[in-house]
Amino acid sequence: MTFYVYMLKSLEIEKSKTYVGYTNNIQKRLLKHNNNKGAKSTKGRKWAVIYKRYFKTKSAAMSYEYRLKNDKKKRLKLKKNENLGFTSL
């Protein structure tokens, strides 16, 4: 099974936020976020995927998700270069 680490960007123009998570189905997960059934911090906003990276194991994805969530510089860089963020392992 393939797992993804993804970063979402809120579609609000004035106060854009990002969210990082992992899943095995990005389309289904994005739909949940946009229908207020995702993570608590994503409720009430509309989101777009700006970065995704796939992994062969859940543990590898979870490890990278943890690092990305805590690396504010990398998140800011990915947010600025959102069209360059589709990579794989």
Protein backbone atom coordinates (compact mmCIF):
# COMPACT_ATOMS: atom_id res chain seq x y z
CA MET A 1 0.00 0.00 0.00
CA THR A 2 1.19 3.53 -0.75
CA PHE A 3 1.03 6.31 1.80
CA TYR A 4 1.27 10.04 1.17
CA VAL A 5 2.40 12.98 3.22
CA TYR A 6 0.59 16.05 1.99
CA MET A 7 0.43 19.75 2.70
CA LEU A 8 -2.76 21.71 2.27
CA LYS A 9 -3.10 25.45 1.83
CA SER A 10 -6.29 27.24 2.74
CA LEU A 11 -7.93 29.07 -0.12
CA GLU A 12 -8.47 32.22 1.93
CA ILE A 13 -6.60 35.11 0.37
CA GLU A 14 -6.11 37.31 3.43
CA LYS A 15 -4.99 34.76 6.02
CA SER A 16 -3.64 31.65 4.34
CA LYS A 17 -2.85 28.65 6.56
CA THR A 18 -1.19 25.31 5.90
CA TYR A 19 -1.88 21.84 7.25
CA VAL A 20 0.31 18.72 7.03
CA GLY A 21 -1.00 15.16 7.27
CA TYR A 22 -0.63 11.64 5.90
CA THR A 23 -3.07 9.30 4.20
CA ASN A 24 -3.34 6.46 1.72
CA ASN A 25 -5.98 8.28 -0.38
CA ILE A 26 -5.36 12.00 -0.97
CA GLN A 27 -8.59 12.71 -2.90
CA LYS A 28 -10.78 11.16 -0.21
CA ARG A 29 -8.86 12.93 2.58
CA LEU A 30 -9.09 16.33 0.84
CA LEU A 31 -12.83 15.84 0.43
CA LYS A 32 -13.13 15.18 4.17
CA HIS A 33 -11.14 18.31 5.01
CA ASN A 34 -13.30 20.43 2.69
CA ASN A 35 -16.52 18.97 4.14
CA ASN A 36 -15.56 19.75 7.77
CA LYS A 37 -14.94 16.08 8.58
CA GLY A 38 -11.15 16.25 8.63
CA ALA A 39 -8.83 17.38 11.39
CA LYS A 40 -10.18 19.88 13.92
CA SER A 41 -7.78 22.61 12.76
CA THR A 42 -9.01 22.39 9.15
CA LYS A 43 -12.71 22.88 9.84
CA GLY A 44 -14.47 25.91 8.41
CA ARG A 45 -12.01 26.44 5.55
CA LYS A 46 -11.60 25.27 1.97
CA TRP A 47 -8.27 23.61 1.11
CA ALA A 48 -6.09 22.70 -1.85
CA VAL A 49 -3.22 20.21 -1.96
CA ILE A 50 0.03 22.06 -2.65
CA TYR A 51 2.51 19.30 -1.83
CA LYS A 52 2.51 15.53 -1.74
CA ARG A 53 5.17 12.88 -1.40
CA TYR A 54 4.57 9.15 -1.42
CA PHE A 55 6.10 6.42 0.69
CA LYS A 56 6.02 2.65 0.59
CA THR A 57 5.38 2.24 4.33
CA LYS A 58 3.11 3.92 6.83
CA SER A 59 5.96 4.32 9.33
CA ALA A 60 8.12 6.18 6.77
CA ALA A 61 5.21 8.50 5.96
CA MET A 62 4.48 9.15 9.64
CA SER A 63 8.14 9.92 10.31
CA TYR A 64 8.34 12.41 7.44
CA GLU A 65 5.01 13.98 8.44
CA TYR A 66 6.36 14.62 11.94
CA ARG A 67 9.52 16.24 10.58
CA LEU A 68 7.60 18.41 8.09
CA LYS A 69 5.10 19.55 10.72
CA ASN A 70 7.97 20.77 12.87
CA ASP A 71 10.07 22.38 10.11
CA LYS A 72 8.52 25.82 9.70
CA LYS A 73 11.17 26.95 7.21
CA LYS A 74 10.49 24.04 4.86
CA ARG A 75 6.72 24.55 5.14
CA LEU A 76 7.10 28.22 4.25
CA LYS A 77 9.33 27.33 1.30
CA LEU A 78 6.81 24.76 0.03
CA LYS A 79 3.99 27.25 0.46
CA LYS A 80 5.84 29.82 -1.67
CA ASN A 81 6.73 27.21 -4.32
CA GLU A 82 3.47 25.30 -4.25
CA ASN A 83 3.60 24.23 -7.90
CA LEU A 84 6.95 22.50 -7.37
CA GLY A 85 5.83 20.29 -4.49
CA PHE A 86 4.87 17.00 -6.13
CA THR A 87 7.63 14.51 -5.40
CA SER A 88 8.00 10.86 -4.55
CA LEU A 89 10.30 8.39 -2.85
